[in-house]
């Protein structure tokens, strides 16, 4: 049985680490469920959600060039229902129209919409920070370094 991205399989947890859990799959294969793919809620400790030997239903979400299989437990399940009341409040009683006090981030209309836009924004920010870091390192090395 050859499986690919999107396949939902049964597996058994064979190992737990601080960043996720390893799951044995059919045909002697195994994959990793990253900590962010374990549950729809925040996961602080993998051991609070999974135990070695536990049977789990997983979805294959990726296979890299080295044939490492990336898995998700939460995507193999239906998402939890939204709380009653529908959409989050707009406006609210906070000053600034629902935004936390002191929040100076961009407004919704200024945020990137597509993944590519978000990636471009991240890369520009990252390049700027790296450039600043390199300039500070050069400045410190000219002064004889830190002691």
Protein backbone atom coordinates (compact mmCIF):
# COMPACT_ATOMS: atom_id res chain seq x y z
CA UNK A 1 0.00 0.00 0.00
CA UNK A 2 1.63 3.21 -1.19
CA UNK A 3 0.37 6.30 0.61
CA UNK A 4 0.83 9.96 -0.15
CA UNK A 5 -0.04 13.40 1.10
CA UNK A 6 -3.66 13.53 2.23
CA UNK A 7 -3.89 9.87 3.24
CA UNK A 8 -5.45 9.15 6.62
CA UNK A 9 -3.86 6.18 8.39
CA UNK A 10 -3.86 4.34 11.70
CA UNK A 11 -0.54 4.27 13.54
CA UNK A 12 1.02 3.66 16.91
CA UNK A 13 3.03 6.20 18.93
CA UNK A 14 6.56 4.80 19.23
CA UNK A 15 8.40 7.73 20.76
CA UNK A 16 7.74 11.10 22.35
CA UNK A 17 10.06 14.11 22.28
CA UNK A 18 9.66 17.70 23.42
CA UNK A 19 8.89 18.72 19.81
CA UNK A 20 6.45 15.96 18.85
CA UNK A 21 5.81 12.25 18.59
CA UNK A 22 7.02 9.51 16.26
CA UNK A 23 4.34 7.21 14.88
CA UNK A 24 4.82 3.83 13.21
CA UNK A 25 2.79 3.42 10.03
CA UNK A 26 1.88 0.51 7.74
CA UNK A 27 4.65 -1.09 5.65
CA UNK A 28 7.24 -0.46 8.36
CA UNK A 29 7.32 3.29 7.73
CA UNK A 30 7.22 5.94 10.41
CA UNK A 31 6.54 9.64 10.61
CA UNK A 32 6.63 12.61 12.94
CA UNK A 33 3.67 14.48 14.37
CA UNK A 34 5.03 17.93 15.24
CA UNK A 35 3.80 19.39 18.55
CA UNK A 36 1.78 21.98 16.60
CA UNK A 37 -0.11 19.19 14.80
CA UNK A 38 -1.23 17.23 17.88
CA UNK A 39 -4.35 19.16 18.92
CA UNK A 40 -6.41 22.21 18.03
CA UNK A 41 -5.57 23.61 21.48
CA UNK A 42 -2.15 24.79 22.68
CA UNK A 43 0.13 21.86 23.50
CA UNK A 44 2.77 22.63 26.11
CA UNK A 45 3.81 19.04 26.85
CA UNK A 46 3.33 16.24 24.31
CA UNK A 47 3.07 13.69 27.14
CA UNK A 48 -0.15 15.37 28.34
CA UNK A 49 -1.81 14.37 25.04
CA UNK A 50 -0.09 11.16 23.90
CA UNK A 51 1.40 8.02 25.41
CA UNK A 52 3.84 5.52 23.87
CA UNK A 53 1.95 2.57 22.42
CA UNK A 54 -1.21 4.62 21.89
CA UNK A 55 -3.11 3.99 18.63
CA UNK A 56 -3.73 7.24 16.73
CA UNK A 57 -5.40 8.28 13.49
CA UNK A 58 -3.05 10.55 11.48
CA UNK A 59 -3.13 12.43 8.21
CA UNK A 60 -0.04 12.59 5.97
CA UNK A 61 0.60 16.32 5.48
CA UNK A 62 3.98 16.10 3.81
CA UNK A 63 6.77 13.87 2.55
CA UNK A 64 10.14 15.56 2.07
CA UNK A 65 12.97 14.77 -0.35
CA UNK A 66 14.49 12.32 2.15
CA UNK A 67 11.14 10.44 2.37
CA UNK A 68 10.51 11.68 5.92
CA UNK A 69 6.79 11.65 6.58
CA UNK A 70 5.15 14.61 8.33
CA UNK A 71 1.90 13.77 10.07
CA UNK A 72 -1.00 15.54 11.75
CA UNK A 73 -3.37 14.18 14.34
CA UNK A 74 -5.57 17.28 14.44
CA UNK A 75 -6.08 17.34 10.66
CA UNK A 76 -7.25 13.72 10.76
CA UNK A 77 -10.18 14.89 12.96
CA UNK A 78 -12.99 17.34 12.47
CA UNK A 79 -12.19 20.77 13.93
CA UNK A 80 -13.91 21.55 17.24
CA UNK A 81 -17.14 23.57 17.00
CA UNK A 82 -16.84 27.32 17.34
CA UNK A 83 -18.07 28.79 20.62
CA UNK A 84 -21.66 30.05 20.68
CA UNK A 85 -21.93 33.68 19.69
CA UNK A 86 -20.25 33.35 16.29
CA UNK A 87 -17.53 35.69 15.18
CA UNK A 88 -15.19 37.50 17.58
CA UNK A 89 -16.27 40.93 18.77
CA UNK A 90 -15.47 43.92 16.64
CA UNK A 91 -15.04 47.16 18.52
CA UNK A 92 -15.87 46.01 22.00
CA UNK A 93 -15.22 48.03 25.12
CA UNK A 94 -11.47 48.33 24.60
CA UNK A 95 -10.05 51.70 23.64
CA UNK A 96 -8.93 51.74 20.02
CA UNK A 97 -11.84 49.70 18.67
CA UNK A 98 -11.14 46.30 20.19
CA UNK A 99 -7.36 46.35 19.92
CA UNK A 100 -5.29 45.80 23.09
CA UNK A 101 -4.09 48.96 24.78
CA UNK A 102 -0.61 49.87 23.52
CA UNK A 103 -0.90 47.63 20.46
CA UNK A 104 0.76 49.37 17.56
CA UNK A 105 0.70 46.61 14.94
CA UNK A 106 -0.86 47.06 11.52
CA UNK A 107 -4.62 47.20 11.14
CA UNK A 108 -6.40 44.32 9.43
CA UNK A 109 -6.57 46.13 6.07
CA UNK A 110 -2.77 46.58 6.04
CA UNK A 111 -2.03 42.90 6.75
CA UNK A 112 -0.96 40.64 3.87
CA UNK A 113 -3.77 38.53 2.51
CA UNK A 114 -2.01 35.71 0.69
CA UNK A 115 0.72 33.36 1.86
CA UNK A 116 3.10 34.90 -0.70
CA UNK A 117 2.45 38.38 0.71
CA UNK A 118 3.07 37.16 4.25
CA UNK A 119 6.26 35.40 3.11
CA UNK A 120 7.52 38.55 1.36
CA UNK A 121 6.83 40.60 4.49
CA UNK A 122 8.61 38.04 6.67
CA UNK A 123 11.64 37.87 4.34
CA UNK A 124 11.96 41.66 4.22
CA UNK A 125 11.75 41.89 8.00
CA UNK A 126 14.23 39.04 8.41
CA UNK A 127 16.72 40.56 5.95
CA UNK A 128 16.48 43.89 7.75
CA UNK A 129 17.13 42.29 11.14
CA UNK A 130 20.04 40.22 9.81
CA UNK A 131 21.59 43.29 8.20
CA UNK A 132 21.32 45.20 11.47
CA UNK A 133 22.84 42.28 13.38
CA UNK A 134 25.81 42.05 10.98
CA UNK A 135 26.40 45.81 11.24
CA UNK A 136 26.43 45.57 15.04
CA UNK A 137 28.87 42.64 14.91
CA UNK A 138 31.23 44.58 12.61
CA UNK A 139 30.99 47.63 14.87
CA UNK A 140 31.84 45.53 17.95
CA UNK A 141 34.74 43.78 16.22
CA UNK A 142 36.29 47.14 15.24
CA UNK A 143 36.11 48.23 18.87
CA UNK A 144 37.98 45.16 19.99
CA UNK A 145 34.97 43.03 20.81
CA UNK A 146 33.07 42.78 24.03
CA UNK A 147 34.71 41.81 27.26
